[in-house]
Amino acid sequence: QPSLRGTLNRALQVLPSLTLLLAIYLNLGLAIFNLVPIPPLDGSRILAGLLPPAWAYALGRLEPLGFLIILLLFWLRILHALIVPGMNFFCRLLNIPPVPF
C-alpha cells in the first residue's frame, strides 16, 4: 500500500503537467467555439466574407438573436458535438491526449 507521502509526491509531480493540459484544452475549446458561424462570434464574420452580399446581410441580421441561438445550441448539446471533434483534431496535431469528455 502506497504511503501518503508517496501519493502526495506523485500528485505534486503530475499537477503541473495536468494544469498545462487543461489550459491547452480550455484554449482549444474557446478557439473552436469562437469559429462557430453564429453572430456575434468571429466564425460568422469569416462566413460573411465568403457569402454573397445578400446572404452576408441576412446572417448579420441574426446578431440580436445570436446569444439565444448559442444558448439553445448549448442546451441541445449541439455545441459540444461541434467543438469536441475540432478539439480532438488539434489534439492529434499537437500529439496530446484527446479530450476526455
Protein backbone atom coordinates (compact mmCIF):
# COMPACT_ATOMS: atom_id res chain seq x y z
CA GLN A 1 0.00 0.00 0.00
CA PRO A 2 1.47 3.36 -1.01
CA SER A 3 2.26 5.81 1.72
CA LEU A 4 0.58 9.18 1.99
CA ARG A 5 3.91 10.90 1.35
CA GLY A 6 4.46 8.90 -1.84
CA THR A 7 0.96 9.68 -3.05
CA LEU A 8 1.43 13.39 -2.33
CA ASN A 9 4.81 13.45 -4.10
CA ARG A 10 3.30 11.77 -7.17
CA ALA A 11 0.38 14.23 -7.18
CA LEU A 12 2.77 17.18 -7.00
CA GLN A 13 4.78 15.76 -9.91
CA VAL A 14 1.69 15.32 -12.10
CA LEU A 15 -0.06 18.58 -11.19
CA PRO A 16 1.97 20.94 -13.45
CA SER A 17 1.52 18.67 -16.47
CA LEU A 18 -2.18 18.26 -15.79
CA THR A 19 -2.61 22.01 -15.36
CA LEU A 20 -0.87 22.67 -18.68
CA LEU A 21 -3.00 20.05 -20.44
CA LEU A 22 -6.21 21.55 -19.03
CA ALA A 23 -5.07 25.02 -20.14
CA ILE A 24 -4.49 23.66 -23.66
CA TYR A 25 -7.95 22.06 -23.67
CA LEU A 26 -9.53 25.31 -22.49
CA ASN A 27 -7.79 27.39 -25.15
CA LEU A 28 -8.61 24.90 -27.92
CA GLY A 29 -12.24 24.83 -26.83
CA LEU A 30 -12.52 28.61 -26.80
CA ALA A 31 -10.80 28.92 -30.18
CA ILE A 32 -13.09 26.36 -31.81
CA PHE A 33 -16.15 27.89 -30.12
CA ASN A 34 -15.20 31.32 -31.50
CA LEU A 35 -15.15 29.86 -35.02
CA VAL A 36 -18.79 28.70 -34.85
CA PRO A 37 -20.54 30.76 -37.55
CA ILE A 38 -23.19 32.37 -35.34
CA PRO A 39 -23.19 36.13 -34.87
CA PRO A 40 -21.52 37.72 -32.86
CA LEU A 41 -18.76 35.06 -32.91
CA ASP A 42 -15.81 35.50 -35.27
CA GLY A 43 -16.85 32.46 -37.31
CA SER A 44 -19.86 34.44 -38.55
CA ARG A 45 -17.53 37.20 -39.76
CA ILE A 46 -15.45 34.67 -41.67
CA LEU A 47 -18.55 33.10 -43.16
CA ALA A 48 -19.98 36.52 -44.08
CA GLY A 49 -16.78 37.26 -46.01
CA LEU A 50 -17.30 34.11 -48.07
CA LEU A 51 -21.02 34.56 -48.72
CA PRO A 52 -22.70 36.67 -51.39
CA PRO A 53 -23.55 40.14 -50.05
CA ALA A 54 -27.28 39.45 -49.68
CA TRP A 55 -26.64 36.29 -47.65
CA ALA A 56 -24.00 38.03 -45.53
CA TYR A 57 -26.52 40.76 -44.75
CA ALA A 58 -29.11 38.14 -43.74
CA LEU A 59 -26.53 36.46 -41.49
CA GLY A 60 -25.73 39.82 -39.89
CA ARG A 61 -29.40 40.36 -39.08
CA LEU A 62 -29.23 37.29 -36.79
CA GLU A 63 -26.84 39.08 -34.43
CA PRO A 64 -29.51 40.27 -31.95
CA LEU A 65 -30.58 36.62 -31.57
CA GLY A 66 -27.06 35.21 -31.52
CA PHE A 67 -26.81 34.79 -27.76
CA LEU A 68 -30.14 32.94 -27.64
CA ILE A 69 -29.08 30.72 -30.54
CA ILE A 70 -25.83 29.90 -28.75
CA LEU A 71 -27.71 29.08 -25.53
CA LEU A 72 -30.11 26.83 -27.44
CA LEU A 73 -27.25 25.02 -29.17
CA PHE A 74 -25.51 24.59 -25.81
CA TRP A 75 -28.67 23.26 -24.17
CA LEU A 76 -29.26 20.80 -27.04
CA ARG A 77 -25.58 19.71 -26.79
CA ILE A 78 -25.04 20.65 -30.44
CA LEU A 79 -22.17 22.96 -29.46
CA HIS A 80 -20.50 20.00 -27.76
CA ALA A 81 -20.89 17.96 -30.94
CA LEU A 82 -19.25 20.79 -32.94
CA ILE A 83 -16.45 21.73 -30.56
CA VAL A 84 -15.10 18.41 -29.23
CA PRO A 85 -14.27 16.89 -32.67
CA GLY A 86 -12.41 20.09 -33.56
CA MET A 87 -10.54 19.98 -30.27
CA ASN A 88 -9.61 16.33 -30.82
CA PHE A 89 -8.36 17.14 -34.33
CA PHE A 90 -5.94 19.69 -32.88
CA CYS A 91 -5.04 17.36 -30.01
CA ARG A 92 -3.89 14.82 -32.61
CA LEU A 93 -1.87 17.53 -34.37
CA LEU A 94 -0.26 18.54 -31.06
CA ASN A 95 0.26 14.89 -30.07
CA ILE A 96 -1.59 15.27 -26.78
CA PRO A 97 -4.33 13.03 -25.34
CA PRO A 98 -7.81 13.59 -26.79
CA VAL A 99 -10.43 15.45 -24.79
CA PRO A 100 -11.79 13.02 -22.18
CA PHE A 101 -15.39 14.31 -22.26
